[in-house]
Amino acid sequence: MVYVFMADGCEEIEALAPVDMLRRGGVEVTTVGVTGKTVTGSHNISVNTDISLEEVNLGDMEAVVLPGGMPGTLNLEKNEKVQEIVEYAYDKKLLICAICAAPSILGHKGYLKDKKATCFPGFEDSFDGGEYTGEVVTACDNIITGKGCGAGIYFGLEILKNIKGEETMKKVFDSLQCPN
């Protein structure tokens, strides 16, 4: 199960584009409401999530996705339960994915030390020994990071590739009619 954690103030595209890409590729994805079952994003779009934070089942988790946006990133980072889940994923070497401002959460935890990562410009100061690539999407070991909302589709596709393989990712990409 891939859990996408959404908090009030999250960037809607960064949350929902990966959900869409993964579901197109046949991956089981569940959206998690951190600040309530209905989350209002940074652009005042309300999203009804699949489950509440208390319903997350660590036993079936294969990946964590943290969308950025403000104050969504801050709402994710200050939530103790989200912190515990991210720590669990890190300890178990599960896939941890963060985009835009959200890689700063991983940086503050020391998870980007000696790793390559990207983020929305200005948040690379939080990388604590990590290397900022400036790329649209960067995958390093079990951590995938994305630059911003414009990277949402490509971020989702990279997650899909890591879970289902290159062939599945390519099929989904080709169906989107994106420019190369």
N, C-alpha and C. Protein backbone atom coordinates (compact mmCIF):
# COMPACT_ATOMS: atom_id res chain seq x y z
N MET A 1 0.83 -1.18 0.00
CA MET A 1 0.00 0.00 0.00
C MET A 1 0.88 1.24 0.00
N VAL A 2 0.53 2.19 -0.86
CA VAL A 2 1.18 3.50 -0.86
C VAL A 2 0.23 4.45 -0.14
N TYR A 3 0.75 5.11 0.88
CA TYR A 3 -0.03 6.09 1.62
C TYR A 3 0.42 7.49 1.23
N VAL A 4 -0.54 8.31 0.80
CA VAL A 4 -0.27 9.71 0.46
C VAL A 4 -0.88 10.56 1.58
N PHE A 5 -0.02 11.23 2.32
CA PHE A 5 -0.45 12.00 3.48
C PHE A 5 -0.78 13.43 3.07
N MET A 6 -2.01 13.82 3.35
CA MET A 6 -2.48 15.16 2.97
C MET A 6 -2.89 15.92 4.23
N ALA A 7 -2.36 17.13 4.35
CA ALA A 7 -2.70 18.02 5.47
C ALA A 7 -3.25 19.32 4.88
N ASP A 8 -4.05 20.01 5.67
CA ASP A 8 -4.53 21.32 5.21
C ASP A 8 -3.36 22.16 4.75
N GLY A 9 -3.53 22.81 3.60
CA GLY A 9 -2.48 23.64 3.04
C GLY A 9 -1.52 22.91 2.13
N CYS A 10 -1.80 21.64 1.84
CA CYS A 10 -0.92 20.90 0.93
C CYS A 10 -1.13 21.40 -0.50
N GLU A 11 -0.16 21.17 -1.33
CA GLU A 11 -0.27 21.49 -2.76
C GLU A 11 -1.06 20.36 -3.41
N GLU A 12 -2.23 20.68 -3.91
CA GLU A 12 -3.15 19.66 -4.41
C GLU A 12 -2.55 18.82 -5.54
N ILE A 13 -1.89 19.46 -6.49
CA ILE A 13 -1.30 18.73 -7.62
C ILE A 13 -0.25 17.73 -7.14
N GLU A 14 0.55 18.14 -6.16
CA GLU A 14 1.62 17.28 -5.66
C GLU A 14 1.09 16.06 -4.93
N ALA A 15 -0.13 16.16 -4.42
CA ALA A 15 -0.76 15.02 -3.76
C ALA A 15 -1.49 14.14 -4.77
N LEU A 16 -2.26 14.76 -5.64
CA LEU A 16 -3.16 13.98 -6.49
C LEU A 16 -2.54 13.47 -7.78
N ALA A 17 -1.55 14.17 -8.33
CA ALA A 17 -0.89 13.65 -9.54
C ALA A 17 -0.22 12.29 -9.27
N PRO A 18 0.52 12.14 -8.17
CA PRO A 18 1.09 10.81 -7.89
C PRO A 18 0.02 9.75 -7.66
N VAL A 19 -1.07 10.12 -6.98
CA VAL A 19 -2.17 9.16 -6.78
C VAL A 19 -2.66 8.68 -8.14
N ASP A 20 -2.89 9.60 -9.05
CA ASP A 20 -3.40 9.27 -10.38
C ASP A 20 -2.42 8.37 -11.14
N MET A 21 -1.13 8.75 -11.15
CA MET A 21 -0.13 7.96 -11.88
C MET A 21 -0.05 6.54 -11.33
N LEU A 22 -0.04 6.42 -10.01
CA LEU A 22 0.08 5.10 -9.39
C LEU A 22 -1.15 4.25 -9.64
N ARG A 23 -2.32 4.83 -9.55
CA ARG A 23 -3.54 4.05 -9.79
C ARG A 23 -3.64 3.64 -11.25
N ARG A 24 -3.21 4.49 -12.17
CA ARG A 24 -3.18 4.11 -13.59
C ARG A 24 -2.27 2.90 -13.80
N GLY A 25 -1.21 2.82 -12.97
CA GLY A 25 -0.26 1.72 -13.08
C GLY A 25 -0.63 0.50 -12.25
N GLY A 26 -1.81 0.52 -11.64
CA GLY A 26 -2.28 -0.65 -10.90
C GLY A 26 -1.75 -0.76 -9.48
N VAL A 27 -1.28 0.33 -8.92
CA VAL A 27 -0.76 0.32 -7.56
C VAL A 27 -1.89 0.70 -6.60
N GLU A 28 -1.96 0.00 -5.49
CA GLU A 28 -2.96 0.33 -4.47
C GLU A 28 -2.47 1.55 -3.69
N VAL A 29 -3.29 2.61 -3.73
CA VAL A 29 -2.94 3.88 -3.11
C VAL A 29 -4.09 4.30 -2.21
N THR A 30 -3.73 4.83 -1.04
CA THR A 30 -4.73 5.36 -0.11
C THR A 30 -4.31 6.77 0.30
N THR A 31 -5.24 7.70 0.16
CA THR A 31 -4.99 9.05 0.64
C THR A 31 -5.35 9.12 2.12
N VAL A 32 -4.51 9.82 2.87
CA VAL A 32 -4.65 9.88 4.33
C VAL A 32 -4.86 11.33 4.75
N GLY A 33 -5.97 11.59 5.41
CA GLY A 33 -6.23 12.93 5.93
C GLY A 33 -5.54 13.11 7.26
N VAL A 34 -4.57 14.01 7.30
CA VAL A 34 -3.79 14.26 8.51
C VAL A 34 -4.50 15.26 9.41
N THR A 35 -5.10 16.28 8.80
CA THR A 35 -5.75 17.33 9.58
C THR A 35 -7.26 17.18 9.55
N GLY A 36 -7.74 16.01 9.21
CA GLY A 36 -9.16 15.71 9.09
C GLY A 36 -9.39 14.91 7.84
N LYS A 37 -10.53 14.25 7.75
CA LYS A 37 -10.81 13.41 6.59
C LYS A 37 -11.00 14.25 5.32
N THR A 38 -11.48 15.48 5.47
CA THR A 38 -11.54 16.42 4.36
C THR A 38 -10.41 17.42 4.54
N VAL A 39 -9.57 17.52 3.52
CA VAL A 39 -8.40 18.39 3.57
C VAL A 39 -8.61 19.52 2.57
N THR A 40 -8.29 20.73 2.98
CA THR A 40 -8.37 21.88 2.08
C THR A 40 -6.95 22.28 1.72
N GLY A 41 -6.65 22.19 0.43
CA GLY A 41 -5.29 22.46 -0.05
C GLY A 41 -4.95 23.93 -0.07
N SER A 42 -3.73 24.21 -0.49
CA SER A 42 -3.21 25.58 -0.49
C SER A 42 -3.92 26.48 -1.49
N HIS A 43 -4.67 25.90 -2.42
CA HIS A 43 -5.43 26.69 -3.39
C HIS A 43 -6.93 26.55 -3.17
N ASN A 44 -7.27 26.24 -1.92
CA ASN A 44 -8.66 26.20 -1.47
C ASN A 44 -9.50 25.13 -2.17
N ILE A 45 -8.86 24.04 -2.57
CA ILE A 45 -9.56 22.90 -3.14
C ILE A 45 -9.71 21.86 -2.04
N SER A 46 -10.95 21.46 -1.77
CA SER A 46 -11.20 20.47 -0.73
C SER A 46 -11.15 19.07 -1.32
N VAL A 47 -10.48 18.16 -0.60
CA VAL A 47 -10.33 16.78 -1.04
C VAL A 47 -10.80 15.88 0.09
N ASN A 48 -11.68 14.95 -0.23
CA ASN A 48 -12.09 13.94 0.74
C ASN A 48 -11.10 12.79 0.65
N THR A 49 -10.36 12.55 1.72
CA THR A 49 -9.36 11.50 1.71
C THR A 49 -10.01 10.14 1.97
N ASP A 50 -9.28 9.09 1.65
CA ASP A 50 -9.79 7.73 1.81
C ASP A 50 -9.92 7.33 3.28
N ILE A 51 -8.92 7.69 4.07
CA ILE A 51 -8.91 7.31 5.48
C ILE A 51 -8.37 8.45 6.33
N SER A 52 -8.55 8.32 7.62
CA SER A 52 -7.94 9.26 8.56
C SER A 52 -6.58 8.72 8.98
N LEU A 53 -5.80 9.55 9.59
CA LEU A 53 -4.44 9.18 10.01
C LEU A 53 -4.44 7.97 10.94
N GLU A 54 -5.43 7.88 11.78
CA GLU A 54 -5.51 6.78 12.75
C GLU A 54 -5.74 5.42 12.09
N GLU A 55 -6.18 5.41 10.85
CA GLU A 55 -6.49 4.16 10.15
C GLU A 55 -5.32 3.58 9.36
N VAL A 56 -4.17 4.25 9.35
CA VAL A 56 -3.01 3.76 8.62
C VAL A 56 -2.56 2.43 9.22
N ASN A 57 -2.30 1.45 8.33
CA ASN A 57 -1.85 0.13 8.75
C ASN A 57 -0.38 -0.01 8.34
N LEU A 58 0.51 0.09 9.32
CA LEU A 58 1.94 0.01 9.02
C LEU A 58 2.32 -1.33 8.39
N GLY A 59 1.58 -2.37 8.71
CA GLY A 59 1.90 -3.70 8.21
C GLY A 59 1.77 -3.86 6.71
N ASP A 60 0.94 -3.04 6.06
CA ASP A 60 0.77 -3.18 4.61
C ASP A 60 1.42 -2.02 3.83
N MET A 61 2.16 -1.19 4.52
CA MET A 61 2.75 -0.01 3.89
C MET A 61 3.99 -0.38 3.10
N GLU A 62 4.04 0.08 1.82
CA GLU A 62 5.26 -0.10 1.04
C GLU A 62 5.89 1.23 0.66
N ALA A 63 5.12 2.32 0.79
CA ALA A 63 5.66 3.64 0.46
C ALA A 63 4.87 4.73 1.16
N VAL A 64 5.56 5.83 1.42
CA VAL A 64 4.99 7.03 2.01
C VAL A 64 5.20 8.17 1.01
N VAL A 65 4.16 8.96 0.76
CA VAL A 65 4.28 10.14 -0.10
C VAL A 65 3.89 11.36 0.70
N LEU A 66 4.79 12.37 0.69
CA LEU A 66 4.57 13.62 1.40
C LEU A 66 4.52 14.76 0.39
N PRO A 67 3.31 15.28 0.11
CA PRO A 67 3.22 16.44 -0.78
C PRO A 67 3.70 17.69 -0.06
N GLY A 68 4.11 18.67 -0.83
CA GLY A 68 4.55 19.94 -0.25
C GLY A 68 3.42 20.94 -0.16
N GLY A 69 3.76 22.18 -0.38
CA GLY A 69 2.80 23.27 -0.23
C GLY A 69 2.91 23.85 1.17
N MET A 70 2.42 25.06 1.28
CA MET A 70 2.44 25.74 2.57
C MET A 70 1.05 26.22 2.92
N PRO A 71 0.61 25.97 4.13
CA PRO A 71 1.37 25.42 5.25
C PRO A 71 1.29 23.90 5.37
N GLY A 72 0.93 23.21 4.29
CA GLY A 72 0.79 21.76 4.34
C GLY A 72 2.02 21.04 4.84
N THR A 73 3.19 21.45 4.34
CA THR A 73 4.43 20.82 4.79
C THR A 73 4.62 21.00 6.29
N LEU A 74 4.37 22.19 6.77
CA LEU A 74 4.51 22.45 8.21
C LEU A 74 3.51 21.62 9.01
N ASN A 75 2.30 21.47 8.49
CA ASN A 75 1.29 20.66 9.18
C ASN A 75 1.68 19.19 9.22
N LEU A 76 2.31 18.69 8.14
CA LEU A 76 2.80 17.31 8.16
C LEU A 76 3.93 17.17 9.18
N GLU A 77 4.87 18.11 9.14
CA GLU A 77 6.06 17.98 9.98
C GLU A 77 5.74 18.08 11.47
N LYS A 78 4.76 18.88 11.83
CA LYS A 78 4.47 19.04 13.27
C LYS A 78 3.59 17.92 13.83
N ASN A 79 3.10 17.03 12.96
CA ASN A 79 2.23 15.96 13.42
C ASN A 79 3.07 14.77 13.92
N GLU A 80 2.95 14.43 15.18
CA GLU A 80 3.75 13.35 15.77
C GLU A 80 3.50 12.00 15.10
N LYS A 81 2.27 11.71 14.77
CA LYS A 81 1.93 10.42 14.14
C LYS A 81 2.59 10.32 12.75
N VAL A 82 2.55 11.41 11.98
CA VAL A 82 3.22 11.41 10.67
C VAL A 82 4.72 11.18 10.88
N GLN A 83 5.30 11.84 11.86
CA GLN A 83 6.72 11.66 12.15
C GLN A 83 7.03 10.20 12.46
N GLU A 84 6.19 9.57 13.27
CA GLU A 84 6.39 8.16 13.63
C GLU A 84 6.31 7.26 12.39
N ILE A 85 5.37 7.55 11.50
CA ILE A 85 5.20 6.74 10.30
C ILE A 85 6.39 6.89 9.37
N VAL A 86 6.88 8.12 9.20
CA VAL A 86 8.06 8.36 8.36
C VAL A 86 9.27 7.65 8.96
N GLU A 87 9.42 7.70 10.28
CA GLU A 87 10.53 7.00 10.94
C GLU A 87 10.42 5.49 10.73
N TYR A 88 9.22 4.95 10.83
CA TYR A 88 9.00 3.52 10.59
C TYR A 88 9.43 3.16 9.16
N ALA A 89 8.97 3.97 8.19
CA ALA A 89 9.32 3.71 6.79
C ALA A 89 10.83 3.77 6.58
N TYR A 90 11.47 4.74 7.20
CA TYR A 90 12.92 4.87 7.07
C TYR A 90 13.64 3.67 7.68
N ASP A 91 13.23 3.29 8.88
CA ASP A 91 13.85 2.14 9.55
C ASP A 91 13.67 0.84 8.78
N LYS A 92 12.52 0.69 8.12
CA LYS A 92 12.23 -0.52 7.35
C LYS A 92 12.73 -0.44 5.91
N LYS A 93 13.36 0.69 5.56
CA LYS A 93 13.88 0.93 4.20
C LYS A 93 12.77 0.88 3.14
N LEU A 94 11.59 1.35 3.52
CA LEU A 94 10.49 1.47 2.57
C LEU A 94 10.73 2.71 1.71
N LEU A 95 9.98 2.82 0.64
CA LEU A 95 10.09 3.97 -0.25
C LEU A 95 9.50 5.20 0.44
N ILE A 96 10.29 6.28 0.49
CA ILE A 96 9.85 7.55 1.07
C ILE A 96 9.96 8.60 -0.02
N CYS A 97 8.83 9.26 -0.30
CA CYS A 97 8.75 10.20 -1.41
C CYS A 97 8.25 11.55 -0.90
N ALA A 98 8.94 12.62 -1.29
CA ALA A 98 8.57 13.96 -0.84
C ALA A 98 8.82 14.94 -1.98
N ILE A 99 7.95 15.93 -2.10
CA ILE A 99 8.03 16.87 -3.21
C ILE A 99 7.87 18.30 -2.70
N CYS A 100 8.50 19.22 -3.42
CA CYS A 100 8.40 20.66 -3.19
C CYS A 100 9.08 21.04 -1.87
N ALA A 101 8.33 21.50 -0.89
CA ALA A 101 8.89 21.84 0.42
C ALA A 101 9.06 20.62 1.31
N ALA A 102 8.32 19.55 1.03
CA ALA A 102 8.30 18.38 1.91
C ALA A 102 9.65 17.66 2.07
N PRO A 103 10.58 17.70 1.09
CA PRO A 103 11.89 17.10 1.37
C PRO A 103 12.57 17.71 2.59
N SER A 104 12.18 18.92 2.96
CA SER A 104 12.76 19.54 4.16
C SER A 104 12.44 18.72 5.40
N ILE A 105 11.30 18.04 5.41
CA ILE A 105 10.95 17.17 6.54
C ILE A 105 12.00 16.07 6.68
N LEU A 106 12.38 15.49 5.54
CA LEU A 106 13.39 14.43 5.54
C LEU A 106 14.76 14.98 5.92
N GLY A 107 15.06 16.17 5.43
CA GLY A 107 16.33 16.80 5.75
C GLY A 107 16.46 17.09 7.24
N HIS A 108 15.38 17.60 7.84
CA HIS A 108 15.41 17.89 9.28
C HIS A 108 15.62 16.63 10.11
N LYS A 109 15.22 15.48 9.58
CA LYS A 109 15.40 14.22 10.29
C LYS A 109 16.78 13.60 10.02
N GLY A 110 17.56 14.22 9.13
CA GLY A 110 18.87 13.68 8.79
C GLY A 110 18.84 12.60 7.73
N TYR A 111 17.69 12.38 7.11
CA TYR A 111 17.53 11.29 6.14
C TYR A 111 18.15 11.59 4.77
N LEU A 112 18.51 12.84 4.53
CA LEU A 112 19.10 13.19 3.23
C LEU A 112 20.62 13.28 3.29
N LYS A 113 21.20 13.08 4.45
CA LYS A 113 22.65 13.14 4.60
C LYS A 113 23.30 12.15 3.64
N ASP A 114 24.25 12.65 2.86
CA ASP A 114 25.00 11.86 1.89
C ASP A 114 24.12 11.31 0.77
N LYS A 115 22.95 11.91 0.55
CA LYS A 115 22.06 11.50 -0.54
C LYS A 115 21.86 12.67 -1.49
N LYS A 116 21.48 12.34 -2.71
CA LYS A 116 21.09 13.36 -3.68
C LYS A 116 19.58 13.55 -3.57
N ALA A 117 19.15 14.81 -3.65
CA ALA A 117 17.72 15.11 -3.55
C ALA A 117 17.43 16.44 -4.22
N THR A 118 16.16 16.68 -4.49
CA THR A 118 15.72 17.95 -5.04
C THR A 118 14.55 18.46 -4.22
N CYS A 119 14.18 19.72 -4.47
CA CYS A 119 13.07 20.33 -3.74
C CYS A 119 12.75 21.67 -4.40
N PHE A 120 11.75 22.33 -3.89
CA PHE A 120 11.45 23.70 -4.32
C PHE A 120 12.64 24.56 -3.90
N PRO A 121 13.16 25.39 -4.82
CA PRO A 121 14.33 26.20 -4.48
C PRO A 121 14.12 27.01 -3.19
N GLY A 122 15.13 26.93 -2.34
CA GLY A 122 15.09 27.62 -1.06
C GLY A 122 15.00 26.66 0.10
N PHE A 123 14.51 25.45 -0.15
CA PHE A 123 14.40 24.47 0.92
C PHE A 123 15.60 23.54 1.00
N GLU A 124 16.54 23.69 0.06
CA GLU A 124 17.73 22.83 0.07
C GLU A 124 18.62 23.11 1.29
N ASP A 125 18.45 24.24 1.93
CA ASP A 125 19.22 24.54 3.14
C ASP A 125 18.94 23.54 4.27
N SER A 126 17.82 22.83 4.16
CA SER A 126 17.44 21.86 5.20
C SER A 126 18.05 20.47 4.95
N PHE A 127 18.83 20.29 3.92
CA PHE A 127 19.28 18.96 3.51
C PHE A 127 20.34 18.35 4.43
N ASP A 128 20.95 19.10 5.30
CA ASP A 128 21.85 18.58 6.33
C ASP A 128 22.84 17.54 5.79
N GLY A 129 23.70 17.97 4.87
CA GLY A 129 24.70 17.06 4.33
C GLY A 129 24.27 16.34 3.07
N GLY A 130 23.06 16.63 2.59
CA GLY A 130 22.59 16.05 1.34
C GLY A 130 22.97 16.94 0.17
N GLU A 131 22.98 16.37 -1.02
CA GLU A 131 23.35 17.13 -2.22
C GLU A 131 22.09 17.53 -2.99
N TYR A 132 21.87 18.83 -3.14
CA TYR A 132 20.76 19.36 -3.91
C TYR A 132 21.07 19.23 -5.40
N THR A 133 20.19 18.56 -6.16
CA THR A 133 20.44 18.36 -7.59
C THR A 133 19.79 19.42 -8.46
N GLY A 134 18.69 19.99 -8.01
CA GLY A 134 17.95 20.93 -8.84
C GLY A 134 17.16 20.26 -9.96
N GLU A 135 17.19 18.93 -10.01
CA GLU A 135 16.46 18.18 -11.04
C GLU A 135 14.96 18.23 -10.77
N VAL A 136 14.18 17.89 -11.78
CA VAL A 136 12.73 17.82 -11.63
C VAL A 136 12.38 16.72 -10.62
N VAL A 137 13.01 15.56 -10.76
CA VAL A 137 12.82 14.44 -9.85
C VAL A 137 14.19 13.80 -9.61
N THR A 138 14.46 13.44 -8.38
CA THR A 138 15.70 12.75 -8.03
C THR A 138 15.36 11.51 -7.21
N ALA A 139 15.90 10.37 -7.62
CA ALA A 139 15.76 9.12 -6.85
C ALA A 139 17.14 8.73 -6.35
N CYS A 140 17.23 8.47 -5.05
CA CYS A 140 18.50 8.06 -4.45
C CYS A 140 18.19 7.03 -3.37
N ASP A 141 18.63 5.82 -3.62
CA ASP A 141 18.32 4.70 -2.71
C ASP A 141 16.79 4.58 -2.60
N ASN A 142 16.26 4.62 -1.40
CA ASN A 142 14.80 4.45 -1.22
C ASN A 142 14.07 5.79 -1.06
N ILE A 143 14.73 6.90 -1.45
CA ILE A 143 14.11 8.21 -1.32
C ILE A 143 13.95 8.84 -2.69
N ILE A 144 12.71 9.29 -2.97
CA ILE A 144 12.40 9.99 -4.21
C ILE A 144 11.93 11.39 -3.84
N THR A 145 12.54 12.40 -4.48
CA THR A 145 12.14 13.78 -4.23
C THR A 145 11.79 14.47 -5.53
N GLY A 146 10.87 15.43 -5.44
CA GLY A 146 10.44 16.20 -6.60
C GLY A 146 10.56 17.69 -6.32
N LYS A 147 10.69 18.45 -7.40
CA LYS A 147 11.00 19.88 -7.27
C LYS A 147 9.79 20.74 -6.91
N GLY A 148 8.63 20.50 -7.52
CA GLY A 148 7.46 21.33 -7.26
C GLY A 148 6.26 20.81 -8.01
N CYS A 149 5.16 21.57 -7.98
CA CYS A 149 3.91 21.05 -8.54
C CYS A 149 4.02 20.71 -10.03
N GLY A 150 4.85 21.42 -10.77
CA GLY A 150 5.04 21.10 -12.18
C GLY A 150 5.68 19.75 -12.40
N ALA A 151 6.29 19.22 -11.36
CA ALA A 151 6.93 17.90 -11.42
C ALA A 151 6.00 16.79 -10.98
N GLY A 152 4.77 17.11 -10.61
CA GLY A 152 3.86 16.14 -10.01
C GLY A 152 3.69 14.85 -10.79
N ILE A 153 3.47 14.96 -12.10
CA ILE A 153 3.29 13.77 -12.93
C ILE A 153 4.57 12.94 -12.96
N TYR A 154 5.71 13.61 -13.17
CA TYR A 154 6.98 12.91 -13.27
C TYR A 154 7.39 12.30 -11.93
N PHE A 155 7.06 12.98 -10.85
CA PHE A 155 7.28 12.45 -9.50
C PHE A 155 6.47 11.17 -9.32
N GLY A 156 5.20 11.21 -9.69
CA GLY A 156 4.35 10.03 -9.61
C GLY A 156 4.85 8.89 -10.48
N LEU A 157 5.33 9.21 -11.68
CA LEU A 157 5.86 8.19 -12.57
C LEU A 157 7.13 7.54 -12.01
N GLU A 158 7.97 8.33 -11.36
CA GLU A 158 9.19 7.77 -10.75
C GLU A 158 8.83 6.82 -9.60
N ILE A 159 7.83 7.19 -8.83
CA ILE A 159 7.37 6.30 -7.76
C ILE A 159 6.84 5.00 -8.38
N LEU A 160 6.03 5.14 -9.43
CA LEU A 160 5.49 3.98 -10.13
C LEU A 160 6.60 3.08 -10.64
N LYS A 161 7.63 3.68 -11.25
CA LYS A 161 8.76 2.89 -11.77
C LYS A 161 9.43 2.10 -10.66
N ASN A 162 9.57 2.71 -9.49
CA ASN A 162 10.22 2.03 -8.37
C ASN A 162 9.38 0.90 -7.80
N ILE A 163 8.06 0.97 -7.97
CA ILE A 163 7.18 -0.06 -7.43
C ILE A 163 6.86 -1.14 -8.47
N LYS A 164 6.54 -0.72 -9.69
CA LYS A 164 6.06 -1.66 -10.71
C LYS A 164 7.02 -1.89 -11.87
N GLY A 165 8.11 -1.12 -11.93
CA GLY A 165 9.09 -1.32 -12.98
C GLY A 165 8.97 -0.35 -14.14
N GLU A 166 10.02 -0.33 -14.92
CA GLU A 166 10.15 0.58 -16.06
C GLU A 166 9.04 0.38 -17.10
N GLU A 167 8.72 -0.88 -17.40
CA GLU A 167 7.73 -1.15 -18.44
C GLU A 167 6.35 -0.58 -18.08
N THR A 168 5.91 -0.79 -16.86
CA THR A 168 4.62 -0.25 -16.43
C THR A 168 4.64 1.26 -16.46
N MET A 169 5.73 1.84 -15.96
CA MET A 169 5.85 3.30 -15.97
C MET A 169 5.78 3.83 -17.39
N LYS A 170 6.46 3.18 -18.32
CA LYS A 170 6.47 3.65 -19.71
C LYS A 170 5.07 3.56 -20.33
N LYS A 171 4.33 2.51 -20.03
CA LYS A 171 2.97 2.38 -20.55
C LYS A 171 2.09 3.52 -20.06
N VAL A 172 2.20 3.82 -18.78
CA VAL A 172 1.40 4.93 -18.23
C VAL A 172 1.85 6.24 -18.85
N PHE A 173 3.16 6.46 -18.93
CA PHE A 173 3.68 7.70 -19.52
C PHE A 173 3.17 7.87 -20.96
N ASP A 174 3.26 6.81 -21.76
CA ASP A 174 2.82 6.90 -23.16
C ASP A 174 1.33 7.21 -23.25
N SER A 175 0.53 6.72 -22.31
CA SER A 175 -0.92 6.97 -22.35
C SER A 175 -1.25 8.42 -22.01
N LEU A 176 -0.34 9.14 -21.39
CA LEU A 176 -0.60 10.51 -20.96
C LEU A 176 -0.47 11.53 -22.07
N GLN A 177 0.28 11.17 -23.12
CA GLN A 177 0.55 12.08 -24.22
C GLN A 177 1.34 13.30 -23.77
N CYS A 178 2.25 13.11 -22.82
CA CYS A 178 3.14 14.18 -22.35
C CYS A 178 4.22 14.42 -23.40
N PRO A 179 4.70 15.64 -23.50
CA PRO A 179 5.88 15.85 -24.37
C PRO A 179 7.08 15.18 -23.74
N ASN A 180 7.97 14.67 -24.59
CA ASN A 180 9.20 14.05 -24.05
C ASN A 180 10.09 15.14 -23.61
